[in-house]
Amino acid sequence: EREVETVTFGPAAGDRRVVVESTETVSVARLVHEGLAAPVADAFVERLLASRTLQGGRLRYEASLPEEVVGRFQVRVGTLGGEVASSTFRAGSPR
């Protein structure tokens, strides 16, 4: 069984990037955080999907988490092939 997607969050040293790696094209994503305005979540998803690069035979997507996201949040992604991944993280204050 192959791993299709991995979703990681790097909060060390002020790095608030969400990184998705996949063997298939990610076609849909969602940022879930209580009280987050839809336009802010949508802008994050746009940046994430637009960031696609090819690295070592895998597709890589990354975007900085909006400053409004503090505490628990979830990132959900889906590929053109129907695979899905969901990961929950905790973000500290960006300052």
Protein backbone atom coordinates (compact mmCIF):
# COMPACT_ATOMS: atom_id res chain seq x y z
CA GLU A 1 0.00 0.00 0.00
CA ARG A 2 1.46 3.35 -1.01
CA GLU A 3 1.28 6.59 0.89
CA VAL A 4 -0.58 9.13 -1.19
CA GLU A 5 -0.50 12.24 0.98
CA THR A 6 1.22 13.52 4.06
CA VAL A 7 0.25 16.75 5.76
CA THR A 8 2.73 18.39 8.13
CA PHE A 9 2.89 21.61 10.12
CA GLY A 10 6.22 23.18 11.13
CA PRO A 11 5.66 25.53 14.08
CA ALA A 12 9.32 25.55 15.15
CA ALA A 13 11.15 28.90 15.13
CA GLY A 14 8.10 30.81 13.95
CA ASP A 15 7.60 28.61 10.88
CA ARG A 16 3.83 28.34 10.42
CA ARG A 17 3.87 26.53 7.07
CA VAL A 18 1.55 23.69 6.24
CA VAL A 19 3.15 21.24 3.81
CA VAL A 20 1.32 18.57 1.80
CA GLU A 21 3.24 15.92 -0.13
CA SER A 22 1.43 13.60 -2.52
CA THR A 23 2.01 11.16 -5.35
CA GLU A 24 -1.19 12.45 -6.99
CA THR A 25 -2.43 15.96 -7.81
CA VAL A 26 -4.25 17.52 -4.87
CA SER A 27 -7.51 18.92 -6.25
CA VAL A 28 -9.28 20.07 -3.11
CA ALA A 29 -8.26 21.32 0.32
CA ARG A 30 -9.93 22.81 3.35
CA LEU A 31 -8.68 24.65 6.42
CA VAL A 32 -10.93 24.12 9.44
CA HIS A 33 -10.63 26.37 12.49
CA GLU A 34 -13.47 27.51 14.73
CA GLY A 35 -14.46 31.08 14.00
CA LEU A 36 -12.16 31.49 10.98
CA ALA A 37 -13.72 33.70 8.31
CA ALA A 38 -14.41 31.84 5.07
CA PRO A 39 -12.46 34.34 2.90
CA VAL A 40 -9.34 33.80 5.05
CA ALA A 41 -9.65 30.00 4.82
CA ASP A 42 -10.32 30.22 1.07
CA ALA A 43 -7.24 32.42 0.52
CA PHE A 44 -5.09 29.88 2.37
CA VAL A 45 -6.43 27.05 0.19
CA GLU A 46 -5.75 29.08 -2.97
CA ARG A 47 -2.14 29.70 -1.90
CA LEU A 48 -1.68 26.04 -0.95
CA LEU A 49 -2.99 24.63 -4.24
CA ALA A 50 -1.13 27.22 -6.33
CA SER A 51 2.21 26.35 -4.72
CA ARG A 52 2.57 22.92 -6.40
CA THR A 53 6.14 21.85 -7.15
CA LEU A 54 7.64 18.49 -8.07
CA GLN A 55 10.31 17.19 -5.67
CA GLY A 56 11.77 13.73 -5.85
CA GLY A 57 8.85 12.28 -7.78
CA ARG A 58 6.25 13.68 -5.36
CA LEU A 59 4.12 16.78 -5.58
CA ARG A 60 4.68 19.30 -2.80
CA TYR A 61 2.30 22.06 -1.74
CA GLU A 62 2.95 24.58 1.02
CA ALA A 63 1.41 27.73 2.43
CA SER A 64 1.77 29.82 5.56
CA LEU A 65 -0.99 29.44 8.09
CA PRO A 66 -3.08 32.62 8.48
CA GLU A 67 -2.25 34.67 11.59
CA GLU A 68 -5.87 34.33 12.70
CA VAL A 69 -5.35 30.62 13.32
CA VAL A 70 -4.28 30.05 16.91
CA GLY A 71 -4.99 26.80 18.71
CA ARG A 72 -6.37 23.64 17.18
CA PHE A 73 -6.95 23.47 13.42
CA GLN A 74 -7.42 20.82 10.77
CA VAL A 75 -6.26 20.54 7.18
CA ARG A 76 -8.14 18.24 4.81
CA VAL A 77 -6.96 17.42 1.30
CA GLY A 78 -8.20 15.24 -1.54
CA THR A 79 -6.60 14.10 -4.78
CA LEU A 80 -7.90 13.71 -8.31
CA GLY A 81 -7.69 9.95 -7.74
CA GLY A 82 -10.09 10.09 -4.78
CA GLU A 83 -7.58 9.70 -1.96
CA VAL A 84 -8.13 11.87 1.13
CA ALA A 85 -6.06 12.90 4.13
CA SER A 86 -6.91 14.88 7.21
CA SER A 87 -4.54 16.06 9.94
CA THR A 88 -5.16 18.06 13.11
CA PHE A 89 -2.52 20.37 14.59
CA ARG A 90 -2.15 23.06 17.24
CA ALA A 91 -0.72 26.46 16.35
CA GLY A 92 0.66 29.02 18.76
CA SER A 93 0.49 32.75 18.30
CA PRO A 94 2.51 33.92 15.27
CA ARG A 95 4.21 36.60 17.39
